[in-house]
PDB file of N, CA and C in Angstrom:
ATOM      1  N   MET A   1      83.496 113.630 101.363  1.00  0.00           N
ATOM      2  CA  MET A   1      81.843 113.408 101.435  1.00  0.00           C
ATOM      3  C   MET A   1      81.704 111.895 100.991  1.00  0.00           C
ATOM      4  N   PRO A   2      81.385 111.464 102.003  1.00  0.00           N
ATOM      5  CA  PRO A   2      80.764 110.058 101.727  1.00  0.00           C
ATOM      6  C   PRO A   2      79.667 109.823 100.576  1.00  0.00           C
ATOM      7  N   ARG A   3      80.154 108.491  99.967  1.00  0.00           N
ATOM      8  CA  ARG A   3      79.263 107.732  98.825  1.00  0.00           C
ATOM      9  C   ARG A   3      77.885 107.489  98.983  1.00  0.00           C
ATOM     10  N   GLU A   4      76.932 107.992  98.642  1.00  0.00           N
ATOM     11  CA  GLU A   4      75.581 107.461  98.974  1.00  0.00           C
ATOM     12  C   GLU A   4      75.290 106.431  98.337  1.00  0.00           C
ATOM     13  N   LEU A   5      74.351 105.474  98.929  1.00  0.00           N
ATOM     14  CA  LEU A   5      73.815 104.284  98.068  1.00  0.00           C
ATOM     15  C   LEU A   5      72.363 104.522  98.235  1.00  0.00           C
ATOM     16  N   ASP A   6      71.783 104.638  97.266  1.00  0.00           N
ATOM     17  CA  ASP A   6      70.192 104.702  97.601  1.00  0.00           C
ATOM     18  C   ASP A   6      69.550 103.431  96.967  1.00  0.00           C
ATOM     19  N   LEU A   7      69.237 102.844  97.789  1.00  0.00           N
ATOM     20  CA  LEU A   7      68.428 101.475  97.901  1.00  0.00           C
ATOM     21  C   LEU A   7      66.759 101.223  97.888  1.00  0.00           C
ATOM     22  N   ARG A   8      66.635 102.837  97.987  1.00  0.00           N
ATOM     23  CA  ARG A   8      65.003 102.555  98.167  1.00  0.00           C
ATOM     24  C   ARG A   8      64.254 102.122  96.998  1.00  0.00           C
ATOM     25  N   GLY A   9      63.067 101.117  97.701  1.00  0.00           N
ATOM     26  CA  GLY A   9      61.924 100.677  96.931  1.00  0.00           C
ATOM     27  C   GLY A   9      62.870  98.901  96.876  1.00  0.00           C
ATOM     28  N   LEU A  10      63.894  98.864  96.990  1.00  0.00           N
ATOM     29  CA  LEU A  10      64.530  97.177  97.314  1.00  0.00           C
ATOM     30  C   LEU A  10      63.823  96.584  98.366  1.00  0.00           C
ATOM     31  N   ASN A  11      63.585  95.563  98.384  1.00  0.00           N
ATOM     32  CA  ASN A  11      62.988  94.559  99.514  1.00  0.00           C
ATOM     33  C   ASN A  11      64.229  93.660 100.094  1.00  0.00           C
ATOM     34  N   CYS A  12      64.292  93.320 100.874  1.00  0.00           N
ATOM     35  CA  CYS A  12      64.793  92.416 101.874  1.00  0.00           C
ATOM     36  C   CYS A  12      65.105  90.943 100.765  1.00  0.00           C
ATOM     37  N   PRO A  13      66.298  90.589 100.801  1.00  0.00           N
ATOM     38  CA  PRO A  13      67.331  90.860 101.282  1.00  0.00           C
ATOM     39  C   PRO A  13      68.408  91.863 100.341  1.00  0.00           C
ATOM     40  N   MET A  14      67.652  92.153  99.209  1.00  0.00           N
ATOM     41  CA  MET A  14      68.391  93.180  98.519  1.00  0.00           C
ATOM     42  C   MET A  14      69.337  94.427  99.096  1.00  0.00           C
ATOM     43  N   PRO A  15      68.932  94.959 100.012  1.00  0.00           N
ATOM     44  CA  PRO A  15      69.335  96.269 100.676  1.00  0.00           C
ATOM     45  C   PRO A  15      70.632  95.710 101.306  1.00  0.00           C
ATOM     46  N   VAL A  16      70.896  94.774 102.422  1.00  0.00           N
ATOM     47  CA  VAL A  16      72.077  94.238 102.973  1.00  0.00           C
ATOM     48  C   VAL A  16      73.103  93.698 102.009  1.00  0.00           C
ATOM     49  N   LEU A  17      72.573  92.974 101.036  1.00  0.00           N
ATOM     50  CA  LEU A  17      73.332  92.417 100.136  1.00  0.00           C
ATOM     51  C   LEU A  17      73.979  93.427  99.443  1.00  0.00           C
ATOM     52  N   LYS A  18      73.429  94.486  98.789  1.00  0.00           N
ATOM     53  CA  LYS A  18      73.937  95.670  97.980  1.00  0.00           C
ATOM     54  C   LYS A  18      74.950  96.275  98.580  1.00  0.00           C
ATOM     55  N   ALA A  19      74.299  96.702 100.042  1.00  0.00           N
ATOM     56  CA  ALA A  19      75.278  97.636 101.089  1.00  0.00           C
ATOM     57  C   ALA A  19      76.445  96.508 101.670  1.00  0.00           C
ATOM     58  N   GLY A  20      76.548  95.436 101.538  1.00  0.00           N
ATOM     59  CA  GLY A  20      77.889  95.066 101.583  1.00  0.00           C
ATOM     60  C   GLY A  20      78.683  94.818 100.581  1.00  0.00           C
ATOM     61  N   LYS A  21      78.270  94.574  99.285  1.00  0.00           N
ATOM     62  CA  LYS A  21      79.123  94.778  98.166  1.00  0.00           C
ATOM     63  C   LYS A  21      79.555  96.306  98.029  1.00  0.00           C
ATOM     64  N   ALA A  22      79.131  97.107  98.262  1.00  0.00           N
ATOM     65  CA  ALA A  22      79.334  98.338  98.443  1.00  0.00           C
ATOM     66  C   ALA A  22      80.267  98.640  99.346  1.00  0.00           C
ATOM     67  N   LEU A  23      80.186  98.076 100.304  1.00  0.00           N
ATOM     68  CA  LEU A  23      81.381  98.319 101.726  1.00  0.00           C
ATOM     69  C   LEU A  23      82.562  97.283 101.105  1.00  0.00           C
ATOM     70  N   ARG A  24      82.556  96.116 100.396  1.00  0.00           N
ATOM     71  CA  ARG A  24      83.686  95.430 100.099  1.00  0.00           C
ATOM     72  C   ARG A  24      84.653  96.220  98.975  1.00  0.00           C
ATOM     73  N   ALA A  25      84.027  97.292  98.261  1.00  0.00           N
ATOM     74  CA  ALA A  25      84.471  98.283  97.522  1.00  0.00           C
ATOM     75  C   ALA A  25      85.516  99.444  97.948  1.00  0.00           C
ATOM     76  N   LEU A  26      85.166  99.566  99.295  1.00  0.00           N
ATOM     77  CA  LEU A  26      85.464 100.841  99.663  1.00  0.00           C
ATOM     78  C   LEU A  26      86.796 100.356 100.473  1.00  0.00           C
ATOM     79  N   GLN A  27      87.996 101.490 100.714  1.00  0.00           N
ATOM     80  CA  GLN A  27      88.996 101.432 101.170  1.00  0.00           C
ATOM     81  C   GLN A  27      88.882 101.265 102.832  1.00  0.00           C
ATOM     82  N   PRO A  28      89.316 101.092 103.697  1.00  0.00           N
ATOM     83  CA  PRO A  28      89.313 101.065 105.153  1.00  0.00           C
ATOM     84  C   PRO A  28      89.260 102.314 105.653  1.00  0.00           C
ATOM     85  N   GLY A  29      88.174 102.728 106.676  1.00  0.00           N
ATOM     86  CA  GLY A  29      87.952 104.215 107.144  1.00  0.00           C
ATOM     87  C   GLY A  29      86.963 104.846 106.255  1.00  0.00           C
ATOM     88  N   GLU A  30      86.776 104.661 105.008  1.00  0.00           N
ATOM     89  CA  GLU A  30      85.562 105.410 104.202  1.00  0.00           C
ATOM     90  C   GLU A  30      84.701 104.917 104.817  1.00  0.00           C
ATOM     91  N   GLN A  31      83.620 105.891 104.336  1.00  0.00           N
ATOM     92  CA  GLN A  31      82.141 106.186 105.130  1.00  0.00           C
ATOM     93  C   GLN A  31      81.372 105.967 103.491  1.00  0.00           C
ATOM     94  N   ILE A  32      80.044 105.300 103.782  1.00  0.00           N
ATOM     95  CA  ILE A  32      79.027 105.125 102.859  1.00  0.00           C
ATOM     96  C   ILE A  32      77.617 105.060 103.763  1.00  0.00           C
ATOM     97  N   VAL A  33      76.968 106.111 103.188  1.00  0.00           N
ATOM     98  CA  VAL A  33      75.487 106.528 103.495  1.00  0.00           C
ATOM     99  C   VAL A  33      74.459 105.567 102.727  1.00  0.00           C
ATOM    100  N   VAL A  34      73.570 104.903 103.285  1.00  0.00           N
ATOM    101  CA  VAL A  34      72.860 103.856 102.703  1.00  0.00           C
ATOM    102  C   VAL A  34      71.013 104.288 103.167  1.00  0.00           C
ATOM    103  N   LEU A  35      70.495 104.190 101.986  1.00  0.00           N
ATOM    104  CA  LEU A  35      69.288 104.990 102.015  1.00  0.00           C
ATOM    105  C   LEU A  35      68.179 103.731 102.042  1.00  0.00           C
ATOM    106  N   THR A  36      67.421 103.531 102.820  1.00  0.00           N
ATOM    107  CA  THR A  36      66.526 102.286 102.290  1.00  0.00           C
ATOM    108  C   THR A  36      65.017 102.156 102.670  1.00  0.00           C
ATOM    109  N   SER A  37      64.127 101.861 101.577  1.00  0.00           N
ATOM    110  CA  SER A  37      62.427 101.804 102.456  1.00  0.00           C
ATOM    111  C   SER A  37      62.038 100.596 103.134  1.00  0.00           C
ATOM    112  N   ASP A  38      63.085  99.717 102.930  1.00  0.00           N
ATOM    113  CA  ASP A  38      63.027  98.506 103.523  1.00  0.00           C
ATOM    114  C   ASP A  38      62.879  98.146 105.149  1.00  0.00           C
ATOM    115  N   PRO A  39      61.649  98.058 105.521  1.00  0.00           N
ATOM    116  CA  PRO A  39      61.716  98.445 107.204  1.00  0.00           C
ATOM    117  C   PRO A  39      62.817  97.520 107.835  1.00  0.00           C
ATOM    118  N   LEU A  40      62.676  96.137 107.272  1.00  0.00           N
ATOM    119  CA  LEU A  40      63.966  95.120 108.102  1.00  0.00           C
ATOM    120  C   LEU A  40      65.430  95.251 107.792  1.00  0.00           C
ATOM    121  N   ALA A  41      65.469  96.628 107.119  1.00  0.00           N
ATOM    122  CA  ALA A  41      67.096  97.142 107.122  1.00  0.00           C
ATOM    123  C   ALA A  41      67.357  97.292 108.221  1.00  0.00           C
ATOM    124  N   GLY A  42      66.340  97.797 109.139  1.00  0.00           N
ATOM    125  CA  GLY A  42      66.867  98.276 110.283  1.00  0.00           C
ATOM    126  C   GLY A  42      67.554  97.231 111.119  1.00  0.00           C
ATOM    127  N   VAL A  43      66.996  96.109 110.939  1.00  0.00           N
ATOM    128  CA  VAL A  43      67.566  94.833 111.814  1.00  0.00           C
ATOM    129  C   VAL A  43      68.903  94.216 111.110  1.00  0.00           C
ATOM    130  N   ASP A  44      68.584  94.329 109.296  1.00  0.00           N
ATOM    131  CA  ASP A  44      69.634  93.719 108.708  1.00  0.00           C
ATOM    132  C   ASP A  44      71.200  94.756 108.740  1.00  0.00           C
ATOM    133  N   ILE A  45      70.834  95.642 108.626  1.00  0.00           N
ATOM    134  CA  ILE A  45      72.289  96.525 108.291  1.00  0.00           C
ATOM    135  C   ILE A  45      73.181  96.436 110.009  1.00  0.00           C
ATOM    136  N   PRO A  46      72.514  96.913 110.839  1.00  0.00           N
ATOM    137  CA  PRO A  46      73.130  96.772 112.007  1.00  0.00           C
ATOM    138  C   PRO A  46      73.590  95.570 112.288  1.00  0.00           C
ATOM    139  N   HIS A  47      73.281  94.274 111.798  1.00  0.00           N
ATOM    140  CA  HIS A  47      73.557  92.794 112.063  1.00  0.00           C
ATOM    141  C   HIS A  47      74.710  93.003 110.694  1.00  0.00           C
ATOM    142  N   LEU A  48      74.857  93.208 109.575  1.00  0.00           N
ATOM    143  CA  LEU A  48      75.827  93.166 108.809  1.00  0.00           C
ATOM    144  C   LEU A  48      77.220  93.934 109.570  1.00  0.00           C
ATOM    145  N   CYS A  49      76.944  95.180 110.100  1.00  0.00           N
ATOM    146  CA  CYS A  49      78.254  95.688 110.777  1.00  0.00           C
ATOM    147  C   CYS A  49      78.487  95.216 111.614  1.00  0.00           C
ATOM    148  N   ARG A  50      77.932  94.715 112.684  1.00  0.00           N
ATOM    149  CA  ARG A  50      78.498  93.984 113.412  1.00  0.00           C
ATOM    150  C   ARG A  50      79.279  92.657 113.321  1.00  0.00           C
ATOM    151  N   GLU A  51      78.210  91.612 112.543  1.00  0.00           N
ATOM    152  CA  GLU A  51      79.177  90.354 111.639  1.00  0.00           C
ATOM    153  C   GLU A  51      80.518  90.841 111.326  1.00  0.00           C
ATOM    154  N   GLN A  52      80.545  91.932 110.263  1.00  0.00           N
ATOM    155  CA  GLN A  52      81.564  92.477 109.714  1.00  0.00           C
ATOM    156  C   GLN A  52      82.836  93.332 110.445  1.00  0.00           C
ATOM    157  N   GLY A  53      82.479  93.696 111.263  1.00  0.00           N
ATOM    158  CA  GLY A  53      83.200  94.889 112.214  1.00  0.00           C
ATOM    159  C   GLY A  53      83.259  95.655 111.453  1.00  0.00           C
ATOM    160  N   HIS A  54      82.126  96.569 111.137  1.00  0.00           N
ATOM    161  CA  HIS A  54      82.123  97.892 110.477  1.00  0.00           C
ATOM    162  C   HIS A  54      81.646  98.689 111.148  1.00  0.00           C
ATOM    163  N   GLU A  55      81.680  99.870 111.642  1.00  0.00           N
ATOM    164  CA  GLU A  55      81.461 100.693 112.340  1.00  0.00           C
ATOM    165  C   GLU A  55      79.815 101.311 112.019  1.00  0.00           C
ATOM    166  N   LEU A  56      78.891 101.511 112.545  1.00  0.00           N
ATOM    167  CA  LEU A  56      77.598 101.899 112.257  1.00  0.00           C
ATOM    168  C   LEU A  56      77.475 102.857 112.895  1.00  0.00           C
ATOM    169  N   GLU A  57      77.946 104.606 112.203  1.00  0.00           N
ATOM    170  CA  GLU A  57      78.383 106.002 113.023  1.00  0.00           C
ATOM    171  C   GLU A  57      76.729 106.506 113.238  1.00  0.00           C
ATOM    172  N   GLU A  58      75.749 106.255 112.493  1.00  0.00           N
ATOM    173  CA  GLU A  58      74.252 106.728 112.546  1.00  0.00           C
ATOM    174  C   GLU A  58      73.446 105.792 111.970  1.00  0.00           C
ATOM    175  N   SER A  59      72.244 106.130 112.399  1.00  0.00           N
ATOM    176  CA  SER A  59      70.992 105.186 111.759  1.00  0.00           C
ATOM    177  C   SER A  59      69.777 106.157 112.286  1.00  0.00           C
ATOM    178  N   GLY A  60      68.810 106.141 111.635  1.00  0.00           N
ATOM    179  CA  GLY A  60      67.402 106.639 111.863  1.00  0.00           C
ATOM    180  C   GLY A  60      66.590 106.278 110.750  1.00  0.00           C
ATOM    181  N   ARG A  61      65.254 106.669 111.254  1.00  0.00           N
ATOM    182  CA  ARG A  61      64.358 106.512 110.230  1.00  0.00           C
ATOM    183  C   ARG A  61      63.359 107.798 110.514  1.00  0.00           C
ATOM    184  N   GLU A  62      63.001 107.957 108.885  1.00  0.00           N
ATOM    185  CA  GLU A  62      62.066 109.303 109.221  1.00  0.00           C
ATOM    186  C   GLU A  62      61.234 109.202 107.403  1.00  0.00           C
ATOM    187  N   GLY A  63      60.108 109.589 107.501  1.00  0.00           N
ATOM    188  CA  GLY A  63      59.273 109.654 106.532  1.00  0.00           C
ATOM    189  C   GLY A  63      59.011 107.997 105.780  1.00  0.00           C
ATOM    190  N   GLY A  64      59.442 106.697 106.168  1.00  0.00           N
ATOM    191  CA  GLY A  64      59.605 105.732 105.629  1.00  0.00           C
ATOM    192  C   GLY A  64      60.974 105.484 105.318  1.00  0.00           C
ATOM    193  N   ILE A  65      61.908 106.034 105.463  1.00  0.00           N
ATOM    194  CA  ILE A  65      63.068 106.064 105.021  1.00  0.00           C
ATOM    195  C   ILE A  65      64.413 105.819 105.890  1.00  0.00           C
ATOM    196  N   SER A  66      64.603 104.637 106.013  1.00  0.00           N
ATOM    197  CA  SER A  66      66.040 104.460 106.802  1.00  0.00           C
ATOM    198  C   SER A  66      67.723 105.120 106.106  1.00  0.00           C
ATOM    199  N   ARG A  67      68.052 105.624 106.997  1.00  0.00           N
ATOM    200  CA  ARG A  67      69.356 106.029 106.650  1.00  0.00           C
ATOM    201  C   ARG A  67      70.517 105.685 107.698  1.00  0.00           C
ATOM    202  N   PHE A  68      71.474 105.052 107.180  1.00  0.00           N
ATOM    203  CA  PHE A  68      72.583 104.705 107.933  1.00  0.00           C
ATOM    204  C   PHE A  68      73.890 105.155 107.347  1.00  0.00           C
ATOM    205  N   VAL A  69      74.871 105.614 108.263  1.00  0.00           N
ATOM    206  CA  VAL A  69      76.052 106.204 107.975  1.00  0.00           C
ATOM    207  C   VAL A  69      76.956 104.967 108.682  1.00  0.00           C
ATOM    208  N   ILE A  70      77.701 104.423 107.645  1.00  0.00           N
ATOM    209  CA  ILE A  70      78.790 103.299 108.177  1.00  0.00           C
ATOM    210  C   ILE A  70      80.013 103.728 107.548  1.00  0.00           C
ATOM    211  N   ARG A  71      80.913 103.278 108.359  1.00  0.00           N
ATOM    212  CA  ARG A  71      82.652 103.211 108.154  1.00  0.00           C
ATOM    213  C   ARG A  71      82.935 101.884 108.320  1.00  0.00           C
ATOM    214  N   LYS A  72      83.663 101.655 106.799  1.00  0.00           N
ATOM    215  CA  LYS A  72      83.948 100.245 106.846  1.00  0.00           C
ATOM    216  C   LYS A  72      85.447 100.281 108.041  1.00  0.00           C
ATOM    217  N   ARG A  73      85.526  99.090 108.198  1.00  0.00           N
ATOM    218  CA  ARG A  73      86.226  98.308 109.337  1.00  0.00           C
ATOM    219  C   ARG A  73      87.851  98.969 108.475  1.00  0.00           C
ATOM    220  N   GLY A  74      88.752  99.114 109.473  1.00  0.00           N
ATOM    221  CA  GLY A  74      90.016  99.461 109.217  1.00  0.00           C
ATOM    222  C   GLY A  74      90.942  99.509 110.367  1.00  0.00           C
TER     223      GLY A  74
END
């Protein structure tokens, strides 16, 4: 089961910085689920994945919360 990183209540740039730090701690191929209420994360998290080569497997927004499933490059 992937680790969940709850970043609700944090504003830009904290969600993307904390997600990046959490990804660095994972082994290649591991997943993390990131939850955030920051609307800018919808741009920042996919950009982080593209820049660092991670796979954004899922993303969506419901009830003001964005959910991203990211697999660390490997």
